[in-house]
Protein backbone atom coordinates (compact mmCIF):
# COMPACT_ATOMS: atom_id res chain seq x y z
CA MET A 1 10.55 2.57 -8.04
CA ASP A 2 11.22 1.41 -4.51
CA VAL A 3 11.35 -2.25 -3.52
CA LEU A 4 9.84 -2.90 -0.10
CA GLN A 5 11.92 -5.53 1.67
CA LEU A 6 10.23 -7.00 4.72
CA GLU A 7 12.77 -9.69 5.68
CA GLN A 8 13.98 -7.65 8.66
CA ALA A 9 10.58 -6.14 9.56
CA ASN A 10 8.92 -6.70 12.91
CA ASP A 11 5.79 -8.76 12.23
CA LYS A 12 3.99 -6.85 15.00
CA GLY A 13 4.74 -3.51 13.32
CA GLN A 14 2.79 -1.29 10.97
CA LEU A 15 3.71 -0.03 7.52
CA ARG A 16 2.72 3.65 7.56
CA ILE A 17 2.11 5.29 4.20
CA ILE A 18 1.61 9.02 3.78
CA TYR A 19 0.49 10.22 0.36
CA LYS A 20 0.02 13.93 -0.25
CA HIS A 21 -1.62 15.09 -3.45
CA CYS A 22 0.20 17.92 -5.17
CA THR A 23 -3.08 19.58 -6.19
CA LEU A 24 -4.68 19.36 -2.73
CA GLU A 25 -3.86 20.70 0.68
CA GLY A 26 -3.10 17.19 1.94
CA ALA A 27 -4.65 13.76 1.56
CA GLY A 28 -7.20 12.57 -0.94
CA THR A 29 -10.63 11.15 -0.21
CA GLY A 30 -11.83 7.58 -0.63
CA ARG A 31 -8.26 6.35 -0.17
CA THR A 32 -7.25 2.73 -0.77
CA ILE A 33 -4.05 0.73 -0.96
CA VAL A 34 -4.21 -2.38 -3.13
CA LEU A 35 -1.75 -5.25 -3.35
CA LYS A 36 -1.64 -6.63 -6.90
CA ASP A 37 0.22 -9.44 -8.61
CA GLU A 38 2.09 -9.18 -11.91
CA LYS A 39 -1.13 -9.94 -13.85
CA GLY A 40 -2.93 -7.01 -12.22
CA SER A 41 -5.13 -9.21 -10.03
CA THR A 42 -6.04 -7.71 -6.65
CA LEU A 43 -4.79 -9.84 -3.77
CA LYS A 44 -5.80 -7.51 -0.93
CA LYS A 45 -7.43 -4.10 -0.61
CA TRP A 46 -7.18 -1.80 2.40
CA THR A 47 -9.66 1.08 2.66
CA PHE A 48 -8.95 4.17 4.76
CA THR A 49 -11.12 6.89 6.19
CA ASN A 50 -10.72 10.42 4.93
CA ALA A 51 -7.83 12.04 6.77
CA GLY A 52 -8.54 14.87 9.13
CA GLY A 53 -6.11 17.11 10.91
CA SER A 54 -2.40 16.51 10.64
CA ASP A 55 -2.40 12.67 10.56
CA LEU A 56 -2.49 11.70 6.88
CA SER A 57 -1.08 8.22 7.43
CA MET A 58 -2.53 4.92 6.24
CA SER A 59 -1.35 1.91 8.26
CA ILE A 60 -1.11 -1.72 7.14
CA PRO A 61 -0.10 -4.48 9.57
CA VAL A 62 3.29 -5.91 8.57
CA SER A 63 2.00 -9.37 9.54
CA GLU A 64 -0.61 -9.16 6.75
CA LEU A 65 2.02 -8.20 4.18
CA LEU A 66 4.32 -11.01 5.30
CA GLN A 67 1.50 -13.55 5.02
CA LEU A 68 0.54 -12.28 1.57
CA GLU A 69 4.17 -12.52 0.48
CA LYS A 70 4.33 -16.09 1.77
CA ASN A 71 1.09 -17.04 0.01
CA ASN A 72 2.31 -15.56 -3.28
CA ALA A 73 5.94 -16.71 -3.38
CA GLY A 74 7.44 -16.48 -6.84
CA HIS A 75 5.14 -13.65 -7.93
CA ASP A 76 5.89 -9.98 -8.50
CA LEU A 77 3.71 -7.90 -6.19
CA SER A 78 3.04 -4.17 -6.07
CA LEU A 79 1.35 -1.75 -3.69
CA ARG A 80 -0.88 0.81 -5.44
CA TYR A 81 -2.57 3.90 -4.04
CA THR A 82 -5.92 5.17 -5.35
CA ALA A 83 -8.26 7.96 -4.27
CA ARG A 84 -11.21 9.83 -5.77
CA GLU A 85 -8.69 12.44 -6.88
CA LEU A 86 -6.41 9.79 -8.43
CA PRO A 87 -8.75 7.08 -9.79
CA LYS A 88 -6.15 5.43 -12.04
CA GLY A 89 -3.85 5.08 -9.03
CA GLU A 90 -0.13 5.12 -8.64
CA THR A 91 2.32 2.34 -7.83
CA LEU A 92 4.04 3.07 -4.52
CA ALA A 93 6.41 0.12 -4.21
CA PHE A 94 7.14 -3.40 -5.32
CA LEU A 95 7.52 -6.30 -2.93
CA ARG A 96 10.39 -8.65 -3.49
CA VAL A 97 8.99 -12.16 -3.11
CA LYS A 98 11.34 -15.12 -3.39
């Protein structure tokens, strides 16, 4: 599993996530990215419109992630993707919080 390290990230940037379902011709519907702590509690949820055309990306402001890291120092955090086609979700990355 990948560890997302934001120490060098531009706080004005965007984290772009593209998730393609293997059973679909592209993106899922009802897509969300959720930031959870090690207890499984939801810290933040981003909801995305259904993708149309060739742009399947979901963008999260890096400044939001940095603030959430700061507010949850000492906790293990993870980014999870869910969609109607993947209701149980999948962990995309962990955030290393010191």
